[in-house]
């Protein structure tokens, strides 16, 4: 897949988006909807399917192992049940080790878009990547995909209430409009 065919959009973790007719209200809703090997009964809920593939942050000593609770997270979205089941299988304990023993790599790994762009293949798309901390996540999808195969960010209006404060250089803009007819 060509790099220019991959569209990466950064959104806030609270941003709503639509995929295959279903609206997801940010990262928390995505987490609630997602399945993996231990809760694959969620696949019974029907399409669209969201499968979570995550990996614990690196741990270097016993303190890290005791306290680390952040995970790199890929949320693979699909309408294909077989694909969802395959990804669920890959999230099972020991699957990665079994792949290494056979000299293979998992088909659906954690793919951080900025550093894994050359590894992203069409079968991976669309997905959402979350770094495990912070208030942003990345929507990764095929720029040329059909509209029904794309994640659509739902734009909301922003309303800002600015507190009016005294200005040393005159009234705030819009407060004083000179009458040019005088």
C-alpha atoms as a PDB file:
ATOM      1  CA  UNK A   1       0.000   0.000   0.000  1.00  0.00           C
ATOM      2  CA  UNK A   2       1.356   3.425  -0.920  1.00  0.00           C
ATOM      3  CA  UNK A   3       2.021   5.879   1.860  1.00  0.00           C
ATOM      4  CA  UNK A   4      -0.025   8.557   0.092  1.00  0.00           C
ATOM      5  CA  UNK A   5      -3.085   6.262   0.186  1.00  0.00           C
ATOM      6  CA  UNK A   6      -3.034   6.211   3.997  1.00  0.00           C
ATOM      7  CA  UNK A   7      -4.888   9.001   5.755  1.00  0.00           C
ATOM      8  CA  UNK A   8      -3.973   9.699   9.388  1.00  0.00           C
ATOM      9  CA  UNK A   9      -6.200  12.121  11.288  1.00  0.00           C
ATOM     10  CA  UNK A  10      -5.532  13.130  14.887  1.00  0.00           C
ATOM     11  CA  UNK A  11      -8.671  13.617  16.983  1.00  0.00           C
ATOM     12  CA  UNK A  12      -9.367  14.151  20.665  1.00  0.00           C
ATOM     13  CA  UNK A  13     -10.294  11.109  22.725  1.00  0.00           C
ATOM     14  CA  UNK A  14     -13.708  12.688  23.374  1.00  0.00           C
ATOM     15  CA  UNK A  15     -14.537  13.207  19.684  1.00  0.00           C
ATOM     16  CA  UNK A  16     -17.515  11.280  18.282  1.00  0.00           C
ATOM     17  CA  UNK A  17     -17.197   9.420  14.993  1.00  0.00           C
ATOM     18  CA  UNK A  18     -19.225   7.089  12.811  1.00  0.00           C
ATOM     19  CA  UNK A  19     -18.251   3.763  11.276  1.00  0.00           C
ATOM     20  CA  UNK A  20     -20.597   1.449   9.335  1.00  0.00           C
ATOM     21  CA  UNK A  21     -23.638   3.350  10.567  1.00  0.00           C
ATOM     22  CA  UNK A  22     -22.725   3.191  14.269  1.00  0.00           C
ATOM     23  CA  UNK A  23     -21.762   6.280  16.228  1.00  0.00           C
ATOM     24  CA  UNK A  24     -18.968   5.960  18.784  1.00  0.00           C
ATOM     25  CA  UNK A  25     -18.682   8.664  21.426  1.00  0.00           C
ATOM     26  CA  UNK A  26     -14.946   8.865  21.865  1.00  0.00           C
ATOM     27  CA  UNK A  27     -12.359   6.484  23.257  1.00  0.00           C
ATOM     28  CA  UNK A  28     -14.427   5.341  26.244  1.00  0.00           C
ATOM     29  CA  UNK A  29     -17.265   4.169  23.989  1.00  0.00           C
ATOM     30  CA  UNK A  30     -14.738   2.455  21.719  1.00  0.00           C
ATOM     31  CA  UNK A  31     -13.292   0.601  24.729  1.00  0.00           C
ATOM     32  CA  UNK A  32     -16.755  -0.524  25.902  1.00  0.00           C
ATOM     33  CA  UNK A  33     -17.648  -1.825  22.448  1.00  0.00           C
ATOM     34  CA  UNK A  34     -14.345  -3.560  21.711  1.00  0.00           C
ATOM     35  CA  UNK A  35     -13.663  -7.241  22.075  1.00  0.00           C
ATOM     36  CA  UNK A  36     -10.568  -9.403  22.370  1.00  0.00           C
ATOM     37  CA  UNK A  37      -9.903 -13.063  23.085  1.00  0.00           C
ATOM     38  CA  UNK A  38     -11.356 -13.064  26.632  1.00  0.00           C
ATOM     39  CA  UNK A  39     -14.630 -11.395  25.738  1.00  0.00           C
ATOM     40  CA  UNK A  40     -15.176 -12.489  22.139  1.00  0.00           C
ATOM     41  CA  UNK A  41     -18.864 -13.075  22.938  1.00  0.00           C
ATOM     42  CA  UNK A  42     -19.197  -9.383  22.013  1.00  0.00           C
ATOM     43  CA  UNK A  43     -18.865 -10.567  18.413  1.00  0.00           C
ATOM     44  CA  UNK A  44     -22.424 -11.872  18.826  1.00  0.00           C
ATOM     45  CA  UNK A  45     -23.653  -8.268  19.003  1.00  0.00           C
ATOM     46  CA  UNK A  46     -23.189  -7.923  15.245  1.00  0.00           C
ATOM     47  CA  UNK A  47     -21.489  -5.519  12.909  1.00  0.00           C
ATOM     48  CA  UNK A  48     -19.566  -3.294  13.085  1.00  0.00           C
ATOM     49  CA  UNK A  49     -16.922  -5.130  15.052  1.00  0.00           C
ATOM     50  CA  UNK A  50     -14.220  -3.402  17.084  1.00  0.00           C
ATOM     51  CA  UNK A  51     -11.290  -5.555  18.151  1.00  0.00           C
ATOM     52  CA  UNK A  52      -8.726  -4.249  20.629  1.00  0.00           C
ATOM     53  CA  UNK A  53      -5.082  -5.223  20.272  1.00  0.00           C
ATOM     54  CA  UNK A  54      -2.969  -3.774  23.059  1.00  0.00           C
ATOM     55  CA  UNK A  55       0.529  -4.048  24.442  1.00  0.00           C
ATOM     56  CA  UNK A  56       1.868  -3.000  27.827  1.00  0.00           C
ATOM     57  CA  UNK A  57       4.426  -0.215  27.858  1.00  0.00           C
ATOM     58  CA  UNK A  58       7.990  -1.533  28.177  1.00  0.00           C
ATOM     59  CA  UNK A  59       9.033  -2.477  31.709  1.00  0.00           C
ATOM     60  CA  UNK A  60      12.679  -2.361  32.717  1.00  0.00           C
ATOM     61  CA  UNK A  61      12.668  -3.176  36.414  1.00  0.00           C
ATOM     62  CA  UNK A  62      10.450  -4.509  39.189  1.00  0.00           C
ATOM     63  CA  UNK A  63       9.045  -1.047  39.935  1.00  0.00           C
ATOM     64  CA  UNK A  64       7.900  -0.723  36.305  1.00  0.00           C
ATOM     65  CA  UNK A  65       6.248  -4.148  36.416  1.00  0.00           C
ATOM     66  CA  UNK A  66       4.512  -3.249  39.669  1.00  0.00           C
ATOM     67  CA  UNK A  67       3.237   0.172  38.588  1.00  0.00           C
ATOM     68  CA  UNK A  68       2.893   0.309  34.810  1.00  0.00           C
ATOM     69  CA  UNK A  69      -0.719   0.410  33.655  1.00  0.00           C
ATOM     70  CA  UNK A  70      -0.438   2.081  30.245  1.00  0.00           C
ATOM     71  CA  UNK A  71      -0.994   0.166  27.022  1.00  0.00           C
ATOM     72  CA  UNK A  72      -0.408   0.965  23.356  1.00  0.00           C
ATOM     73  CA  UNK A  73      -3.796   0.318  21.757  1.00  0.00           C
ATOM     74  CA  UNK A  74      -5.034  -0.441  18.245  1.00  0.00           C
ATOM     75  CA  UNK A  75      -8.774  -0.619  17.688  1.00  0.00           C
ATOM     76  CA  UNK A  76      -9.364  -2.489  14.439  1.00  0.00           C
ATOM     77  CA  UNK A  77     -12.790  -1.766  12.941  1.00  0.00           C
ATOM     78  CA  UNK A  78     -14.455  -4.102  10.473  1.00  0.00           C
ATOM     79  CA  UNK A  79     -17.809  -5.302   9.208  1.00  0.00           C
ATOM     80  CA  UNK A  80     -16.367  -8.759   8.429  1.00  0.00           C
ATOM     81  CA  UNK A  81     -16.984 -11.252  11.237  1.00  0.00           C
ATOM     82  CA  UNK A  82     -14.234 -13.651  10.063  1.00  0.00           C
ATOM     83  CA  UNK A  83     -11.677 -10.841  10.154  1.00  0.00           C
ATOM     84  CA  UNK A  84     -12.843  -9.854  13.643  1.00  0.00           C
ATOM     85  CA  UNK A  85     -12.527 -13.478  14.824  1.00  0.00           C
ATOM     86  CA  UNK A  86      -8.995 -13.700  13.353  1.00  0.00           C
ATOM     87  CA  UNK A  87      -7.912 -10.548  15.171  1.00  0.00           C
ATOM     88  CA  UNK A  88      -9.505 -11.841  18.405  1.00  0.00           C
ATOM     89  CA  UNK A  89      -7.527 -15.056  18.053  1.00  0.00           C
ATOM     90  CA  UNK A  90      -4.312 -13.042  17.791  1.00  0.00           C
ATOM     91  CA  UNK A  91      -5.064 -11.361  21.127  1.00  0.00           C
ATOM     92  CA  UNK A  92      -4.978 -14.693  22.953  1.00  0.00           C
ATOM     93  CA  UNK A  93      -2.228 -15.321  25.471  1.00  0.00           C
ATOM     94  CA  UNK A  94       0.767 -16.967  23.883  1.00  0.00           C
ATOM     95  CA  UNK A  95      -0.217 -16.286  20.273  1.00  0.00           C
ATOM     96  CA  UNK A  96       2.703 -13.901  19.677  1.00  0.00           C
ATOM     97  CA  UNK A  97       5.137 -16.431  21.134  1.00  0.00           C
ATOM     98  CA  UNK A  98       3.659 -19.186  18.933  1.00  0.00           C
ATOM     99  CA  UNK A  99       4.115 -16.963  15.864  1.00  0.00           C
ATOM    100  CA  UNK A 100       7.773 -16.323  16.725  1.00  0.00           C
ATOM    101  CA  UNK A 101       8.362 -20.060  17.171  1.00  0.00           C
ATOM    102  CA  UNK A 102       6.940 -20.669  13.687  1.00  0.00           C
ATOM    103  CA  UNK A 103       8.973 -17.769  12.260  1.00  0.00           C
ATOM    104  CA  UNK A 104       5.827 -15.742  11.558  1.00  0.00           C
ATOM    105  CA  UNK A 105       4.558 -12.340  12.599  1.00  0.00           C
ATOM    106  CA  UNK A 106       1.041 -11.530  13.811  1.00  0.00           C
ATOM    107  CA  UNK A 107      -1.236 -10.276  11.023  1.00  0.00           C
ATOM    108  CA  UNK A 108      -2.709  -7.494  13.203  1.00  0.00           C
ATOM    109  CA  UNK A 109       0.021  -5.964  15.378  1.00  0.00           C
ATOM    110  CA  UNK A 110       0.167  -2.649  17.210  1.00  0.00           C
ATOM    111  CA  UNK A 111       0.857  -0.111  14.478  1.00  0.00           C
ATOM    112  CA  UNK A 112       1.798   3.371  15.648  1.00  0.00           C
ATOM    113  CA  UNK A 113       1.169   5.378  12.454  1.00  0.00           C
ATOM    114  CA  UNK A 114       4.153   7.714  12.545  1.00  0.00           C
ATOM    115  CA  UNK A 115       6.709   4.931  13.043  1.00  0.00           C
ATOM    116  CA  UNK A 116       4.966   2.017  11.291  1.00  0.00           C
ATOM    117  CA  UNK A 117       3.766   3.664   8.083  1.00  0.00           C
ATOM    118  CA  UNK A 118       5.712   1.216   5.891  1.00  0.00           C
ATOM    119  CA  UNK A 119       4.157  -1.763   7.736  1.00  0.00           C
ATOM    120  CA  UNK A 120       0.531  -0.676   7.326  1.00  0.00           C
ATOM    121  CA  UNK A 121      -1.307  -2.859   4.838  1.00  0.00           C
ATOM    122  CA  UNK A 122      -4.797  -2.610   3.426  1.00  0.00           C
ATOM    123  CA  UNK A 123      -6.058  -5.433   5.671  1.00  0.00           C
ATOM    124  CA  UNK A 124      -5.253  -3.289   8.741  1.00  0.00           C
ATOM    125  CA  UNK A 125      -7.468  -0.396   7.706  1.00  0.00           C
ATOM    126  CA  UNK A 126      -9.369   1.258   9.186  1.00  0.00           C
ATOM    127  CA  UNK A 127      -8.110   1.369  12.749  1.00  0.00           C
ATOM    128  CA  UNK A 128      -7.691   3.808  15.597  1.00  0.00           C
ATOM    129  CA  UNK A 129      -4.396   4.063  17.458  1.00  0.00           C
ATOM    130  CA  UNK A 130      -4.182   5.354  21.036  1.00  0.00           C
ATOM    131  CA  UNK A 131      -0.793   5.851  22.647  1.00  0.00           C
ATOM    132  CA  UNK A 132      -2.068   4.841  26.072  1.00  0.00           C
ATOM    133  CA  UNK A 133      -1.984   8.288  27.611  1.00  0.00           C
ATOM    134  CA  UNK A 134      -2.974  11.798  26.651  1.00  0.00           C
ATOM    135  CA  UNK A 135      -6.076  13.240  25.066  1.00  0.00           C
ATOM    136  CA  UNK A 136      -5.471  12.432  21.395  1.00  0.00           C
ATOM    137  CA  UNK A 137      -5.816   9.355  19.206  1.00  0.00           C
ATOM    138  CA  UNK A 138      -5.196   8.750  15.521  1.00  0.00           C
ATOM    139  CA  UNK A 139      -7.683   7.542  12.928  1.00  0.00           C
ATOM    140  CA  UNK A 140      -5.844   5.562  10.252  1.00  0.00           C
ATOM    141  CA  UNK A 141      -7.695   4.631   7.074  1.00  0.00           C
ATOM    142  CA  UNK A 142      -7.491   4.182   3.331  1.00  0.00           C
ATOM    143  CA  UNK A 143      -7.921   7.570   1.686  1.00  0.00           C
ATOM    144  CA  UNK A 144      -9.478   5.850  -1.365  1.00  0.00           C
ATOM    145  CA  UNK A 145     -11.917   3.606   0.525  1.00  0.00           C
ATOM    146  CA  UNK A 146     -15.622   3.725  -0.196  1.00  0.00           C
ATOM    147  CA  UNK A 147     -17.570   6.040   2.135  1.00  0.00           C
ATOM    148  CA  UNK A 148     -19.158   3.080   3.964  1.00  0.00           C
ATOM    149  CA  UNK A 149     -15.666   1.726   4.770  1.00  0.00           C
ATOM    150  CA  UNK A 150     -14.425   4.980   6.283  1.00  0.00           C
ATOM    151  CA  UNK A 151     -14.461   6.425   9.771  1.00  0.00           C
ATOM    152  CA  UNK A 152     -16.239   9.771   9.675  1.00  0.00           C
ATOM    153  CA  UNK A 153     -15.456  12.288  12.385  1.00  0.00           C
ATOM    154  CA  UNK A 154     -18.585  14.044  13.612  1.00  0.00           C
ATOM    155  CA  UNK A 155     -17.908  17.743  13.725  1.00  0.00           C
ATOM    156  CA  UNK A 156     -19.364  19.594  16.674  1.00  0.00           C
ATOM    157  CA  UNK A 157     -19.627  23.309  17.123  1.00  0.00           C
ATOM    158  CA  UNK A 158     -17.387  24.889  19.688  1.00  0.00           C
ATOM    159  CA  UNK A 159     -18.838  27.522  21.946  1.00  0.00           C
ATOM    160  CA  UNK A 160     -16.395  29.670  23.800  1.00  0.00           C
ATOM    161  CA  UNK A 161     -17.395  31.978  26.610  1.00  0.00           C
ATOM    162  CA  UNK A 162     -14.647  34.491  27.058  1.00  0.00           C
ATOM    163  CA  UNK A 163     -14.676  36.573  30.176  1.00  0.00           C
ATOM    164  CA  UNK A 164     -14.671  40.238  29.303  1.00  0.00           C
ATOM    165  CA  UNK A 165     -11.799  42.083  30.886  1.00  0.00           C
ATOM    166  CA  UNK A 166     -10.707  45.689  30.830  1.00  0.00           C
ATOM    167  CA  UNK A 167      -8.372  46.582  27.981  1.00  0.00           C
ATOM    168  CA  UNK A 168      -5.696  49.240  28.325  1.00  0.00           C
ATOM    169  CA  UNK A 169      -5.915  50.080  24.634  1.00  0.00           C
ATOM    170  CA  UNK A 170      -9.649  50.625  24.318  1.00  0.00           C
ATOM    171  CA  UNK A 171     -12.759  48.452  24.296  1.00  0.00           C
ATOM    172  CA  UNK A 172     -12.600  44.855  23.082  1.00  0.00           C
ATOM    173  CA  UNK A 173     -13.165  44.377  19.342  1.00  0.00           C
ATOM    174  CA  UNK A 174     -16.822  44.638  18.381  1.00  0.00           C
ATOM    175  CA  UNK A 175     -17.744  46.675  21.437  1.00  0.00           C
ATOM    176  CA  UNK A 176     -17.211  50.039  19.802  1.00  0.00           C
ATOM    177  CA  UNK A 177     -18.039  50.574  16.165  1.00  0.00           C
ATOM    178  CA  UNK A 178     -17.476  54.172  15.079  1.00  0.00           C
ATOM    179  CA  UNK A 179     -20.263  55.766  13.086  1.00  0.00           C
ATOM    180  CA  UNK A 180     -18.597  56.776   9.838  1.00  0.00           C
ATOM    181  CA  UNK A 181     -21.610  58.933   8.825  1.00  0.00           C
ATOM    182  CA  UNK A 182     -20.855  61.638  11.427  1.00  0.00           C
END
